[in-house]
Amino acid sequence: MNDDVSNEHLPVAAESTNDPLRPFRIGRRAVLQSLATGVGAAVFAPQASAAHVHHAAATAAKPADPAMATTADSTLLFLDRHSFDTLAALSEQIVPGSLATKVPEFLDRLLAVESIETQKRFTQALGAFEREARDAHGIPWKSLTAAQATALLTKISTQPDSDATRKAFDGIKGAVAETYFSTEAGMKELGWNGGIAFAPPAACG
């Protein structure tokens, strides 16, 4: 496994009731409706096919196929590099500290074993941000200055709840924040001092 994305630095959620991708898990009917609107769909296409998802863990454990080495980023399981860079930029802008705690890497791994519907929903959300950046400044989201990104995030976050881009913002923000605050750094921001371990809610009662 690549040392740059080692498990020891990633958020631990395997035995937690946290679910960062919960906002992107919706009923099949709602998924079909969202696909019909095409929000962000033309900007990002999911990198993983169904076969990629089913074999993601096996692929990560094996040496890269030389024939694929020039077309795939070996450190990523689902997102392509451009989509990942967009998520990384958004993560740090929305929740500072996300890059240091490897929130984008964790979400990429989580997406790799998600359903096709959830993957599409997530990539459409990233696409909505990309579209906003290109419409406003003619450049990708990852290339925005801090001032440009802040202005667009302020605009998007103050749209009505029913707005498609506002929904994309709420989904990405929820995924990033829930992941970050499950890390040691995030829990310390919430007041945890490392001296007490709490059982997950499911274990209580």
C-alpha atoms as a PDB file:
ATOM      1  CA  MET A   1       0.000   0.000   0.000  1.00  0.00           C
ATOM      2  CA  ASN A   2       1.237   3.495  -0.817  1.00  0.00           C
ATOM      3  CA  ASP A   3       2.692   5.112   2.313  1.00  0.00           C
ATOM      4  CA  ASP A   4       1.101   8.448   1.399  1.00  0.00           C
ATOM      5  CA  VAL A   5      -2.350   7.024   2.108  1.00  0.00           C
ATOM      6  CA  SER A   6      -1.684   4.706   5.030  1.00  0.00           C
ATOM      7  CA  ASN A   7      -4.542   3.469   7.161  1.00  0.00           C
ATOM      8  CA  GLU A   8      -2.991   4.761  10.362  1.00  0.00           C
ATOM      9  CA  HIS A   9      -3.627   8.383   9.357  1.00  0.00           C
ATOM     10  CA  LEU A  10      -7.178   7.900   8.094  1.00  0.00           C
ATOM     11  CA  PRO A  11     -10.361   8.478  10.123  1.00  0.00           C
ATOM     12  CA  VAL A  12     -11.545   5.305  11.850  1.00  0.00           C
ATOM     13  CA  ALA A  13     -15.221   4.611  11.273  1.00  0.00           C
ATOM     14  CA  ALA A  14     -15.411   0.857  10.824  1.00  0.00           C
ATOM     15  CA  GLU A  15     -17.093   0.270  14.175  1.00  0.00           C
ATOM     16  CA  SER A  16     -18.778   3.637  14.425  1.00  0.00           C
ATOM     17  CA  THR A  17     -22.354   4.522  13.734  1.00  0.00           C
ATOM     18  CA  ASN A  18     -21.134   7.545  11.748  1.00  0.00           C
ATOM     19  CA  ASP A  19     -22.134   7.537   8.098  1.00  0.00           C
ATOM     20  CA  PRO A  20     -20.515  10.411   6.150  1.00  0.00           C
ATOM     21  CA  LEU A  21     -22.197   9.440   2.880  1.00  0.00           C
ATOM     22  CA  ARG A  22     -25.687   9.257   4.357  1.00  0.00           C
ATOM     23  CA  PRO A  23     -26.861  12.412   2.476  1.00  0.00           C
ATOM     24  CA  PHE A  24     -26.051  10.700  -0.804  1.00  0.00           C
ATOM     25  CA  ARG A  25     -28.006   7.519  -0.076  1.00  0.00           C
ATOM     26  CA  ILE A  26     -31.465   8.157  -1.442  1.00  0.00           C
ATOM     27  CA  GLY A  27     -34.235   6.058  -2.896  1.00  0.00           C
ATOM     28  CA  ARG A  28     -34.005   4.809  -6.470  1.00  0.00           C
ATOM     29  CA  ARG A  29     -36.890   7.057  -7.549  1.00  0.00           C
ATOM     30  CA  ALA A  30     -35.140  10.169  -6.255  1.00  0.00           C
ATOM     31  CA  VAL A  31     -31.893   9.089  -7.910  1.00  0.00           C
ATOM     32  CA  LEU A  32     -33.593   8.790 -11.279  1.00  0.00           C
ATOM     33  CA  GLN A  33     -35.140  12.228 -10.817  1.00  0.00           C
ATOM     34  CA  SER A  34     -31.773  13.754  -9.969  1.00  0.00           C
ATOM     35  CA  LEU A  35     -30.137  12.125 -12.982  1.00  0.00           C
ATOM     36  CA  ALA A  36     -32.854  13.580 -15.174  1.00  0.00           C
ATOM     37  CA  THR A  37     -31.961  17.090 -14.040  1.00  0.00           C
ATOM     38  CA  GLY A  38     -28.349  16.520 -15.048  1.00  0.00           C
ATOM     39  CA  VAL A  39     -26.892  18.666 -12.248  1.00  0.00           C
ATOM     40  CA  GLY A  40     -23.140  18.247 -12.527  1.00  0.00           C
ATOM     41  CA  ALA A  41     -23.450  15.081 -14.574  1.00  0.00           C
ATOM     42  CA  ALA A  42     -21.704  16.504 -17.616  1.00  0.00           C
ATOM     43  CA  VAL A  43     -18.765  17.790 -15.595  1.00  0.00           C
ATOM     44  CA  PHE A  44     -17.652  14.670 -13.730  1.00  0.00           C
ATOM     45  CA  ALA A  45     -18.245  11.065 -14.733  1.00  0.00           C
ATOM     46  CA  PRO A  46     -17.678   8.365 -12.090  1.00  0.00           C
ATOM     47  CA  GLN A  47     -14.342   6.660 -12.611  1.00  0.00           C
ATOM     48  CA  ALA A  48     -15.452   3.323 -11.231  1.00  0.00           C
ATOM     49  CA  SER A  49     -17.651   0.850 -13.036  1.00  0.00           C
ATOM     50  CA  ALA A  50     -19.554  -1.833 -11.144  1.00  0.00           C
ATOM     51  CA  ALA A  51     -16.639  -4.203 -11.713  1.00  0.00           C
ATOM     52  CA  HIS A  52     -14.202  -1.640 -10.312  1.00  0.00           C
ATOM     53  CA  VAL A  53     -16.294  -1.278  -7.181  1.00  0.00           C
ATOM     54  CA  HIS A  54     -16.523  -5.031  -6.576  1.00  0.00           C
ATOM     55  CA  HIS A  55     -12.765  -5.456  -7.037  1.00  0.00           C
ATOM     56  CA  ALA A  56     -11.551  -2.220  -5.425  1.00  0.00           C
ATOM     57  CA  ALA A  57     -10.023  -3.884  -2.388  1.00  0.00           C
ATOM     58  CA  ALA A  58      -8.312  -6.542  -4.463  1.00  0.00           C
ATOM     59  CA  THR A  59      -6.948  -3.938  -6.862  1.00  0.00           C
ATOM     60  CA  ALA A  60      -5.555  -1.879  -3.999  1.00  0.00           C
ATOM     61  CA  ALA A  61      -3.777  -4.908  -2.562  1.00  0.00           C
ATOM     62  CA  LYS A  62      -2.074  -5.929  -5.809  1.00  0.00           C
ATOM     63  CA  PRO A  63       0.752  -4.240  -7.706  1.00  0.00           C
ATOM     64  CA  ALA A  64      -0.600  -1.986 -10.442  1.00  0.00           C
ATOM     65  CA  ASP A  65      -0.990  -3.513 -13.871  1.00  0.00           C
ATOM     66  CA  PRO A  66       1.758  -1.945 -16.026  1.00  0.00           C
ATOM     67  CA  ALA A  67      -0.784  -1.419 -18.789  1.00  0.00           C
ATOM     68  CA  MET A  68      -2.906   0.691 -16.446  1.00  0.00           C
ATOM     69  CA  ALA A  69      -0.081   2.599 -14.788  1.00  0.00           C
ATOM     70  CA  THR A  70      -0.269   5.560 -17.133  1.00  0.00           C
ATOM     71  CA  THR A  71      -4.039   5.978 -16.947  1.00  0.00           C
ATOM     72  CA  ALA A  72      -4.874   5.490 -13.265  1.00  0.00           C
ATOM     73  CA  ASP A  73      -3.712   7.039 -10.014  1.00  0.00           C
ATOM     74  CA  SER A  74      -2.604   4.144  -7.813  1.00  0.00           C
ATOM     75  CA  THR A  75      -3.344   6.079  -4.624  1.00  0.00           C
ATOM     76  CA  LEU A  76      -7.045   6.503  -5.464  1.00  0.00           C
ATOM     77  CA  LEU A  77      -9.720   3.818  -5.433  1.00  0.00           C
ATOM     78  CA  PHE A  78     -12.718   5.615  -6.934  1.00  0.00           C
ATOM     79  CA  LEU A  79     -12.248   9.279  -7.786  1.00  0.00           C
ATOM     80  CA  ASP A  80     -10.034  10.367 -10.663  1.00  0.00           C
ATOM     81  CA  ARG A  81      -7.288  12.873  -9.855  1.00  0.00           C
ATOM     82  CA  HIS A  82      -9.248  15.951 -10.952  1.00  0.00           C
ATOM     83  CA  SER A  83     -12.313  14.971  -8.920  1.00  0.00           C
ATOM     84  CA  PHE A  84     -10.135  14.147  -5.930  1.00  0.00           C
ATOM     85  CA  ASP A  85      -8.351  17.494  -6.126  1.00  0.00           C
ATOM     86  CA  THR A  86     -11.730  19.228  -6.247  1.00  0.00           C
ATOM     87  CA  LEU A  87     -12.898  17.309  -3.182  1.00  0.00           C
ATOM     88  CA  ALA A  88      -9.616  18.088  -1.408  1.00  0.00           C
ATOM     89  CA  ALA A  89      -9.979  21.815  -2.085  1.00  0.00           C
ATOM     90  CA  LEU A  90     -13.605  21.828  -0.950  1.00  0.00           C
ATOM     91  CA  SER A  91     -12.816  19.813   2.174  1.00  0.00           C
ATOM     92  CA  GLU A  92     -10.181  22.245   3.388  1.00  0.00           C
ATOM     93  CA  GLN A  93     -12.307  25.270   2.497  1.00  0.00           C
ATOM     94  CA  ILE A  94     -15.363  23.932   4.325  1.00  0.00           C
ATOM     95  CA  VAL A  95     -13.601  22.327   7.304  1.00  0.00           C
ATOM     96  CA  PRO A  96     -10.010  23.544   7.808  1.00  0.00           C
ATOM     97  CA  GLY A  97      -7.775  20.682   8.893  1.00  0.00           C
ATOM     98  CA  SER A  98      -9.389  18.163   6.559  1.00  0.00           C
ATOM     99  CA  LEU A  99      -6.255  17.717   4.459  1.00  0.00           C
ATOM    100  CA  ALA A 100      -4.007  17.056   7.452  1.00  0.00           C
ATOM    101  CA  THR A 101      -6.398  14.354   8.680  1.00  0.00           C
ATOM    102  CA  LYS A 102      -6.756  12.835   5.195  1.00  0.00           C
ATOM    103  CA  VAL A 103     -10.509  13.310   4.973  1.00  0.00           C
ATOM    104  CA  PRO A 104     -10.513  13.256   1.120  1.00  0.00           C
ATOM    105  CA  GLU A 105      -8.567   9.967   1.054  1.00  0.00           C
ATOM    106  CA  PHE A 106     -11.013   8.403   3.493  1.00  0.00           C
ATOM    107  CA  LEU A 107     -14.030   9.482   1.442  1.00  0.00           C
ATOM    108  CA  ASP A 108     -12.419   8.136  -1.733  1.00  0.00           C
ATOM    109  CA  ARG A 109     -11.999   4.738  -0.077  1.00  0.00           C
ATOM    110  CA  LEU A 110     -15.519   4.819   1.290  1.00  0.00           C
ATOM    111  CA  LEU A 111     -16.943   5.663  -2.141  1.00  0.00           C
ATOM    112  CA  ALA A 112     -15.089   2.736  -3.717  1.00  0.00           C
ATOM    113  CA  VAL A 113     -17.323   0.244  -1.911  1.00  0.00           C
ATOM    114  CA  GLU A 114     -20.561   2.226  -2.184  1.00  0.00           C
ATOM    115  CA  SER A 115     -23.487   1.572  -4.492  1.00  0.00           C
ATOM    116  CA  ILE A 116     -23.452   2.969  -8.014  1.00  0.00           C
ATOM    117  CA  GLU A 117     -26.326   5.299  -7.049  1.00  0.00           C
ATOM    118  CA  THR A 118     -24.394   6.776  -4.119  1.00  0.00           C
ATOM    119  CA  GLN A 119     -21.283   7.187  -6.260  1.00  0.00           C
ATOM    120  CA  LYS A 120     -23.241   9.018  -8.944  1.00  0.00           C
ATOM    121  CA  ARG A 121     -24.896  11.255  -6.395  1.00  0.00           C
ATOM    122  CA  PHE A 122     -21.531  12.204  -4.898  1.00  0.00           C
ATOM    123  CA  THR A 123     -19.836  12.891  -8.224  1.00  0.00           C
ATOM    124  CA  GLN A 124     -22.828  14.958  -9.339  1.00  0.00           C
ATOM    125  CA  ALA A 125     -22.397  17.060  -6.201  1.00  0.00           C
ATOM    126  CA  LEU A 126     -18.734  17.659  -7.052  1.00  0.00           C
ATOM    127  CA  GLY A 127     -19.809  18.502 -10.590  1.00  0.00           C
ATOM    128  CA  ALA A 128     -22.195  21.150  -9.318  1.00  0.00           C
ATOM    129  CA  PHE A 129     -19.285  22.982  -7.669  1.00  0.00           C
ATOM    130  CA  GLU A 130     -17.172  22.647 -10.797  1.00  0.00           C
ATOM    131  CA  ARG A 131     -19.951  24.155 -12.883  1.00  0.00           C
ATOM    132  CA  GLU A 132     -20.300  27.100 -10.487  1.00  0.00           C
ATOM    133  CA  ALA A 133     -16.562  27.833 -10.718  1.00  0.00           C
ATOM    134  CA  ARG A 134     -16.466  27.610 -14.500  1.00  0.00           C
ATOM    135  CA  ASP A 135     -19.597  29.740 -14.900  1.00  0.00           C
ATOM    136  CA  ALA A 136     -18.270  32.430 -12.553  1.00  0.00           C
ATOM    137  CA  HIS A 137     -14.572  32.469 -13.398  1.00  0.00           C
ATOM    138  CA  GLY A 138     -13.945  30.137 -16.329  1.00  0.00           C
ATOM    139  CA  ILE A 139     -11.616  27.895 -14.315  1.00  0.00           C
ATOM    140  CA  PRO A 140     -11.946  24.639 -12.345  1.00  0.00           C
ATOM    141  CA  TRP A 141     -12.913  24.802  -8.683  1.00  0.00           C
ATOM    142  CA  LYS A 142      -9.484  23.591  -7.593  1.00  0.00           C
ATOM    143  CA  SER A 143      -7.894  26.625  -9.325  1.00  0.00           C
ATOM    144  CA  LEU A 144      -9.988  29.255  -7.538  1.00  0.00           C
ATOM    145  CA  THR A 145      -8.293  31.741  -5.255  1.00  0.00           C
ATOM    146  CA  ALA A 146      -9.271  31.662  -1.592  1.00  0.00           C
ATOM    147  CA  ALA A 147     -11.368  34.803  -2.071  1.00  0.00           C
ATOM    148  CA  GLN A 148     -13.152  33.396  -5.113  1.00  0.00           C
ATOM    149  CA  ALA A 149     -13.911  30.105  -3.370  1.00  0.00           C
ATOM    150  CA  THR A 150     -15.187  31.847  -0.250  1.00  0.00           C
ATOM    151  CA  ALA A 151     -17.467  34.097  -2.290  1.00  0.00           C
ATOM    152  CA  LEU A 152     -18.941  31.160  -4.201  1.00  0.00           C
ATOM    153  CA  LEU A 153     -19.379  29.051  -1.067  1.00  0.00           C
ATOM    154  CA  THR A 154     -21.182  31.952   0.606  1.00  0.00           C
ATOM    155  CA  LYS A 155     -23.448  32.347  -2.411  1.00  0.00           C
ATOM    156  CA  ILE A 156     -24.198  28.625  -2.656  1.00  0.00           C
ATOM    157  CA  SER A 157     -24.776  28.114   1.075  1.00  0.00           C
ATOM    158  CA  THR A 158     -27.341  30.912   1.206  1.00  0.00           C
ATOM    159  CA  GLN A 159     -29.493  29.577  -1.643  1.00  0.00           C
ATOM    160  CA  PRO A 160     -32.920  28.114  -0.797  1.00  0.00           C
ATOM    161  CA  ASP A 161     -32.856  24.565   0.579  1.00  0.00           C
ATOM    162  CA  SER A 162     -34.560  23.352  -2.589  1.00  0.00           C
ATOM    163  CA  ASP A 163     -31.773  24.639  -4.844  1.00  0.00           C
ATOM    164  CA  ALA A 164     -29.804  21.797  -6.457  1.00  0.00           C
ATOM    165  CA  THR A 165     -26.396  23.371  -5.827  1.00  0.00           C
ATOM    166  CA  ARG A 166     -27.334  24.130  -2.204  1.00  0.00           C
ATOM    167  CA  LYS A 167     -28.202  20.442  -1.802  1.00  0.00           C
ATOM    168  CA  ALA A 168     -24.793  19.547  -3.252  1.00  0.00           C
ATOM    169  CA  PHE A 169     -23.154  21.891  -0.733  1.00  0.00           C
ATOM    170  CA  ASP A 170     -25.081  20.405   2.192  1.00  0.00           C
ATOM    171  CA  GLY A 171     -24.148  16.876   1.112  1.00  0.00           C
ATOM    172  CA  ILE A 172     -20.433  17.541   0.667  1.00  0.00           C
ATOM    173  CA  LYS A 173     -20.283  19.614   3.853  1.00  0.00           C
ATOM    174  CA  GLY A 174     -21.997  16.847   5.808  1.00  0.00           C
ATOM    175  CA  ALA A 175     -19.670  14.152   4.476  1.00  0.00           C
ATOM    176  CA  VAL A 176     -16.533  16.185   5.145  1.00  0.00           C
ATOM    177  CA  ALA A 177     -17.579  17.424   8.597  1.00  0.00           C
ATOM    178  CA  GLU A 178     -18.743  14.032   9.847  1.00  0.00           C
ATOM    179  CA  THR A 179     -15.506  12.426   8.684  1.00  0.00           C
ATOM    180  CA  TYR A 180     -13.287  15.155  10.146  1.00  0.00           C
ATOM    181  CA  PHE A 181     -14.982  15.149  13.536  1.00  0.00           C
ATOM    182  CA  SER A 182     -14.496  11.391  13.797  1.00  0.00           C
ATOM    183  CA  THR A 183     -10.706  11.907  13.711  1.00  0.00           C
ATOM    184  CA  GLU A 184      -8.596  12.547  16.799  1.00  0.00           C
ATOM    185  CA  ALA A 185      -8.008  16.160  15.770  1.00  0.00           C
ATOM    186  CA  GLY A 186     -11.707  16.718  15.156  1.00  0.00           C
ATOM    187  CA  MET A 187     -12.769  15.119  18.439  1.00  0.00           C
ATOM    188  CA  LYS A 188     -10.279  17.303  20.314  1.00  0.00           C
ATOM    189  CA  GLU A 189     -11.883  20.368  18.738  1.00  0.00           C
ATOM    190  CA  LEU A 190     -15.152  19.165  20.232  1.00  0.00           C
ATOM    191  CA  GLY A 191     -13.574  18.955  23.680  1.00  0.00           C
ATOM    192  CA  TRP A 192     -12.301  15.370  23.849  1.00  0.00           C
ATOM    193  CA  ASN A 193      -9.058  15.196  25.861  1.00  0.00           C
ATOM    194  CA  GLY A 194      -8.118  11.617  25.060  1.00  0.00           C
ATOM    195  CA  GLY A 195      -8.829  10.392  28.576  1.00  0.00           C
ATOM    196  CA  ILE A 196     -12.283   8.907  28.088  1.00  0.00           C
ATOM    197  CA  ALA A 197     -13.509   6.461  25.478  1.00  0.00           C
ATOM    198  CA  PHE A 198     -17.221   6.337  24.788  1.00  0.00           C
ATOM    199  CA  ALA A 199     -19.053   3.317  23.460  1.00  0.00           C
ATOM    200  CA  PRO A 200     -20.949   3.860  20.201  1.00  0.00           C
ATOM    201  CA  PRO A 201     -24.685   4.629  20.671  1.00  0.00           C
ATOM    202  CA  ALA A 202     -25.636   1.200  19.328  1.00  0.00           C
ATOM    203  CA  ALA A 203     -23.813  -0.427  22.263  1.00  0.00           C
ATOM    204  CA  CYS A 204     -25.760   1.545  24.859  1.00  0.00           C
ATOM    205  CA  GLY A 205     -29.094   0.562  26.267  1.00  0.00           C
END
